[in-house]
Amino acid sequence: MSTRLKSFIGMLILVTLVIIYALVATTVAAYRLADSEWYVHLAFFGLSGLLWVVPAMFVISWMLKPSKKEAEEKRNAKN
């Protein structure tokens, strides 16, 4: 798979991830934290705001990894 195609697919995955994650986090906060104190809200949104980075990190590392063909071409170019 070419790097351009992987980047496009990864971008679609990341946009979908962020939208779904934001909707889920907001829904959980609305139903579970409605009567909580401000510091509970702050902790929840701080943690949930950073937590989406973990799956995004794996998607981005997959996007940037060269295909086998590209890696072989790069290796042959060095020789």
C-alpha atoms as a PDB file:
ATOM      1  CA  MET A   1       0.000   0.000   0.000  1.00  0.00           C
ATOM      2  CA  SER A   2       1.429   3.358  -0.957  1.00  0.00           C
ATOM      3  CA  THR A   3       2.239   5.996   1.620  1.00  0.00           C
ATOM      4  CA  ARG A   4      -0.259   8.404   0.061  1.00  0.00           C
ATOM      5  CA  LEU A   5      -3.107   5.889   0.357  1.00  0.00           C
ATOM      6  CA  LYS A   6      -2.118   5.028   3.926  1.00  0.00           C
ATOM      7  CA  SER A   7      -2.068   8.737   4.794  1.00  0.00           C
ATOM      8  CA  PHE A   8      -5.532   9.234   3.319  1.00  0.00           C
ATOM      9  CA  ILE A   9      -6.982   6.209   5.134  1.00  0.00           C
ATOM     10  CA  GLY A  10      -5.266   7.259   8.364  1.00  0.00           C
ATOM     11  CA  MET A  11      -6.683  10.765   8.062  1.00  0.00           C
ATOM     12  CA  LEU A  12     -10.199   9.353   7.654  1.00  0.00           C
ATOM     13  CA  ILE A  13      -9.663   7.098  10.678  1.00  0.00           C
ATOM     14  CA  LEU A  14      -8.344   9.988  12.796  1.00  0.00           C
ATOM     15  CA  VAL A  15     -11.235  12.311  11.918  1.00  0.00           C
ATOM     16  CA  THR A  16     -13.744   9.554  12.652  1.00  0.00           C
ATOM     17  CA  LEU A  17     -11.959   8.714  15.913  1.00  0.00           C
ATOM     18  CA  VAL A  18     -12.005  12.306  17.126  1.00  0.00           C
ATOM     19  CA  ILE A  19     -15.689  12.824  16.278  1.00  0.00           C
ATOM     20  CA  ILE A  20     -16.866   9.579  17.884  1.00  0.00           C
ATOM     21  CA  TYR A  21     -14.591  10.032  20.898  1.00  0.00           C
ATOM     22  CA  ALA A  22     -15.827  13.586  21.488  1.00  0.00           C
ATOM     23  CA  LEU A  23     -19.466  12.475  21.283  1.00  0.00           C
ATOM     24  CA  VAL A  24     -18.906   9.572  23.674  1.00  0.00           C
ATOM     25  CA  ALA A  25     -16.925  11.674  26.173  1.00  0.00           C
ATOM     26  CA  THR A  26     -19.549  14.419  26.131  1.00  0.00           C
ATOM     27  CA  THR A  27     -22.395  11.917  26.548  1.00  0.00           C
ATOM     28  CA  VAL A  28     -20.649  10.227  29.474  1.00  0.00           C
ATOM     29  CA  ALA A  29     -20.005  13.599  31.082  1.00  0.00           C
ATOM     30  CA  ALA A  30     -23.591  14.749  30.607  1.00  0.00           C
ATOM     31  CA  TYR A  31     -25.128  11.625  32.135  1.00  0.00           C
ATOM     32  CA  ARG A  32     -22.561  10.724  34.807  1.00  0.00           C
ATOM     33  CA  LEU A  33     -21.139  14.076  35.890  1.00  0.00           C
ATOM     34  CA  ALA A  34     -24.218  16.291  35.845  1.00  0.00           C
ATOM     35  CA  ASP A  35     -24.235  16.911  39.608  1.00  0.00           C
ATOM     36  CA  SER A  36     -20.486  16.678  40.200  1.00  0.00           C
ATOM     37  CA  GLU A  37     -18.190  19.405  41.410  1.00  0.00           C
ATOM     38  CA  TRP A  38     -16.149  21.562  39.031  1.00  0.00           C
ATOM     39  CA  TYR A  39     -12.897  19.753  39.800  1.00  0.00           C
ATOM     40  CA  VAL A  40     -14.430  16.410  38.822  1.00  0.00           C
ATOM     41  CA  HIS A  41     -15.426  17.938  35.476  1.00  0.00           C
ATOM     42  CA  LEU A  42     -11.944  19.384  35.085  1.00  0.00           C
ATOM     43  CA  ALA A  43     -10.296  16.037  35.827  1.00  0.00           C
ATOM     44  CA  PHE A  44     -12.648  14.127  33.517  1.00  0.00           C
ATOM     45  CA  PHE A  45     -12.262  16.460  30.560  1.00  0.00           C
ATOM     46  CA  GLY A  46      -8.523  16.774  31.133  1.00  0.00           C
ATOM     47  CA  LEU A  47      -8.086  13.000  31.156  1.00  0.00           C
ATOM     48  CA  SER A  48     -10.493  12.351  28.305  1.00  0.00           C
ATOM     49  CA  GLY A  49      -8.904  15.161  26.318  1.00  0.00           C
ATOM     50  CA  LEU A  50      -5.553  13.400  26.499  1.00  0.00           C
ATOM     51  CA  LEU A  51      -6.777   9.816  26.230  1.00  0.00           C
ATOM     52  CA  TRP A  52      -7.658   9.968  22.522  1.00  0.00           C
ATOM     53  CA  VAL A  53      -3.973  10.503  21.768  1.00  0.00           C
ATOM     54  CA  VAL A  54      -3.191   6.835  22.495  1.00  0.00           C
ATOM     55  CA  PRO A  55      -5.171   5.326  19.585  1.00  0.00           C
ATOM     56  CA  ALA A  56      -4.217   8.285  17.378  1.00  0.00           C
ATOM     57  CA  MET A  57      -0.545   7.535  18.076  1.00  0.00           C
ATOM     58  CA  PHE A  58      -0.933   4.003  16.701  1.00  0.00           C
ATOM     59  CA  VAL A  59      -2.766   5.230  13.597  1.00  0.00           C
ATOM     60  CA  ILE A  60      -0.111   7.863  12.908  1.00  0.00           C
ATOM     61  CA  SER A  61       2.752   5.397  13.384  1.00  0.00           C
ATOM     62  CA  TRP A  62       1.016   3.023  10.936  1.00  0.00           C
ATOM     63  CA  MET A  63       0.573   5.870   8.450  1.00  0.00           C
ATOM     64  CA  LEU A  64       4.259   6.832   8.568  1.00  0.00           C
ATOM     65  CA  LYS A  65       5.657   3.318   8.316  1.00  0.00           C
ATOM     66  CA  PRO A  66       6.887   2.775   4.752  1.00  0.00           C
ATOM     67  CA  SER A  67       5.504  -0.109   2.741  1.00  0.00           C
ATOM     68  CA  LYS A  68       7.715  -3.134   2.121  1.00  0.00           C
ATOM     69  CA  LYS A  69       8.247  -2.062  -1.468  1.00  0.00           C
ATOM     70  CA  GLU A  70       9.306   1.457  -0.472  1.00  0.00           C
ATOM     71  CA  ALA A  71      11.617   0.141   2.251  1.00  0.00           C
ATOM     72  CA  GLU A  72      13.249  -2.264  -0.205  1.00  0.00           C
ATOM     73  CA  GLU A  73      13.706   0.494  -2.784  1.00  0.00           C
ATOM     74  CA  LYS A  74      15.302   2.714  -0.156  1.00  0.00           C
ATOM     75  CA  ARG A  75      17.640  -0.102   0.890  1.00  0.00           C
ATOM     76  CA  ASN A  76      18.634  -0.780  -2.724  1.00  0.00           C
ATOM     77  CA  ALA A  77      19.255   2.919  -3.335  1.00  0.00           C
ATOM     78  CA  LYS A  78      21.810   2.979  -0.504  1.00  0.00           C
ATOM     79  CA  ASN A  79      23.806   0.152  -2.087  1.00  0.00           C
END
